[in-house]
Amino acid sequence: MASSAFSKVTFDHVGIQCSSEVFEDEIKFLNASLAPLGIKEHWRIAPLVSAMGNNPQKPDFWVSAVVKGTEIKQATTPIHIAFRADDRSQVDEFHKLGLAAGGKDKCVNLRVHV
């Protein structure tokens, strides 16, 4: 059961990386599946660096392409991130919209918990 004593996002910020080949698909997936939680892309500080979250003044979820020098490399280790939802309907909406946006996250083991 979610409590109003907790903020919607309990971390300061999280950054994940993926390859440039799947970057735009990853942003599309994340925008769709996280919409029920009020999380979306607000802006980009570079073509392959997305600032996301609930608040455009302080993005707390960053997605970028893996870059070493000027060479972009494939990310090798997925990251597990669990966002807090207010209720089960938000969890269900997360899964429904994620499937509609392409089915599966590309770079991260993403979960939503009540």
Protein backbone atom coordinates (compact mmCIF):
# COMPACT_ATOMS: atom_id res chain seq x y z
CA MET A 1 0.00 0.00 0.00
CA ALA A 2 1.41 3.38 -1.02
CA SER A 3 1.61 6.07 1.60
CA SER A 4 1.32 9.82 1.11
CA ALA A 5 4.25 10.14 3.54
CA PHE A 6 6.52 9.04 0.71
CA SER A 7 7.37 11.08 -2.36
CA LYS A 8 6.46 9.69 -5.76
CA VAL A 9 10.13 9.15 -6.61
CA THR A 10 12.38 8.25 -3.69
CA PHE A 11 15.74 8.70 -5.43
CA ASP A 12 17.49 11.98 -6.24
CA HIS A 13 18.30 10.93 -9.77
CA VAL A 14 19.10 7.82 -11.77
CA GLY A 15 20.91 7.57 -15.05
CA ILE A 16 20.74 4.66 -17.44
CA GLN A 17 22.61 4.10 -20.65
CA CYS A 18 21.78 2.29 -23.86
CA SER A 19 23.23 2.10 -27.34
CA SER A 20 22.48 4.79 -29.88
CA GLU A 21 20.71 2.15 -32.02
CA VAL A 22 17.90 1.73 -29.48
CA PHE A 23 17.95 5.19 -27.84
CA GLU A 24 14.84 6.63 -29.54
CA ASP A 25 12.89 3.39 -29.02
CA GLU A 26 13.87 3.42 -25.34
CA ILE A 27 12.64 7.01 -24.93
CA LYS A 28 9.36 6.11 -26.68
CA PHE A 29 8.89 3.09 -24.40
CA LEU A 30 9.70 5.04 -21.22
CA ASN A 31 7.45 8.00 -22.14
CA ALA A 32 4.51 5.66 -22.76
CA SER A 33 4.92 3.24 -19.87
CA LEU A 34 5.79 5.85 -17.22
CA ALA A 35 3.00 8.29 -18.21
CA PRO A 36 0.60 6.91 -15.53
CA LEU A 37 3.18 7.94 -12.92
CA GLY A 38 3.52 11.46 -14.34
CA ILE A 39 7.05 10.76 -15.57
CA LYS A 40 8.00 11.95 -19.05
CA GLU A 41 10.82 13.39 -21.13
CA HIS A 42 11.11 17.12 -20.52
CA TRP A 43 14.11 18.09 -22.61
CA ARG A 44 17.45 16.96 -23.99
CA ILE A 45 20.80 18.44 -23.08
CA ALA A 46 22.25 16.75 -26.18
CA PRO A 47 20.75 14.61 -28.98
CA LEU A 48 21.44 11.41 -27.04
CA VAL A 49 20.85 12.63 -23.46
CA SER A 50 17.25 12.80 -22.25
CA ALA A 51 16.12 14.53 -19.03
CA MET A 52 13.02 12.83 -17.65
CA GLY A 53 10.94 12.86 -14.48
CA ASN A 54 7.92 14.44 -12.78
CA ASN A 55 9.38 17.96 -12.60
CA PRO A 56 10.96 19.72 -15.59
CA GLN A 57 12.86 22.00 -13.20
CA LYS A 58 14.67 19.03 -11.63
CA PRO A 59 14.72 15.94 -13.84
CA ASP A 60 15.53 12.87 -11.79
CA PHE A 61 15.65 10.18 -14.46
CA TRP A 62 18.28 10.47 -17.22
CA VAL A 63 18.75 8.30 -20.30
CA SER A 64 21.80 8.59 -22.49
CA ALA A 65 23.69 6.67 -25.15
CA VAL A 66 26.81 4.86 -23.99
CA VAL A 67 29.67 7.08 -25.14
CA LYS A 68 33.41 6.59 -24.85
CA GLY A 69 35.16 9.46 -26.57
CA THR A 70 33.26 9.80 -29.81
CA GLU A 71 32.55 6.08 -30.12
CA ILE A 72 29.12 4.85 -29.02
CA LYS A 73 29.10 1.34 -27.57
CA GLN A 74 26.40 -1.14 -26.63
CA ALA A 75 25.37 -1.17 -22.97
CA THR A 76 26.11 -4.57 -21.47
CA THR A 77 24.50 -4.58 -18.02
CA PRO A 78 20.78 -3.92 -17.55
CA ILE A 79 19.71 -1.86 -14.55
CA HIS A 80 16.76 -2.66 -12.31
CA ILE A 81 14.74 0.40 -11.33
CA ALA A 82 11.51 0.27 -9.34
CA PHE A 83 9.26 3.33 -9.28
CA ARG A 84 6.57 3.75 -6.63
CA ALA A 85 2.93 3.75 -7.78
CA ASP A 86 -0.09 4.97 -5.82
CA ASP A 87 -2.20 1.91 -6.58
CA ARG A 88 -2.48 -1.25 -8.65
CA SER A 89 -4.28 0.55 -11.50
CA GLN A 90 -1.10 2.56 -12.19
CA VAL A 91 0.91 -0.66 -12.28
CA ASP A 92 -1.56 -2.20 -14.74
CA GLU A 93 -1.49 0.97 -16.90
CA PHE A 94 2.33 0.87 -16.90
CA HIS A 95 2.28 -2.65 -18.35
CA LYS A 96 -0.48 -1.89 -20.88
CA LEU A 97 1.16 1.26 -22.25
CA GLY A 98 4.60 -0.34 -22.25
CA LEU A 99 3.32 -3.19 -24.42
CA ALA A 100 1.65 -0.73 -26.79
CA ALA A 101 4.93 1.20 -27.12
CA GLY A 102 6.98 -1.76 -28.25
CA GLY A 103 6.59 -4.49 -25.71
CA LYS A 104 9.79 -4.57 -23.75
CA ASP A 105 12.29 -2.17 -22.30
CA LYS A 106 15.58 -2.26 -24.16
CA CYS A 107 18.18 -1.17 -21.61
CA VAL A 108 16.67 -1.48 -18.18
CA ASN A 109 14.83 -4.00 -16.03
CA LEU A 110 12.00 -1.58 -15.20
CA ARG A 111 9.34 -2.30 -12.59
CA VAL A 112 6.56 -0.45 -10.79
CA HIS A 113 5.53 -1.39 -7.25
CA VAL A 114 2.57 -0.38 -5.10
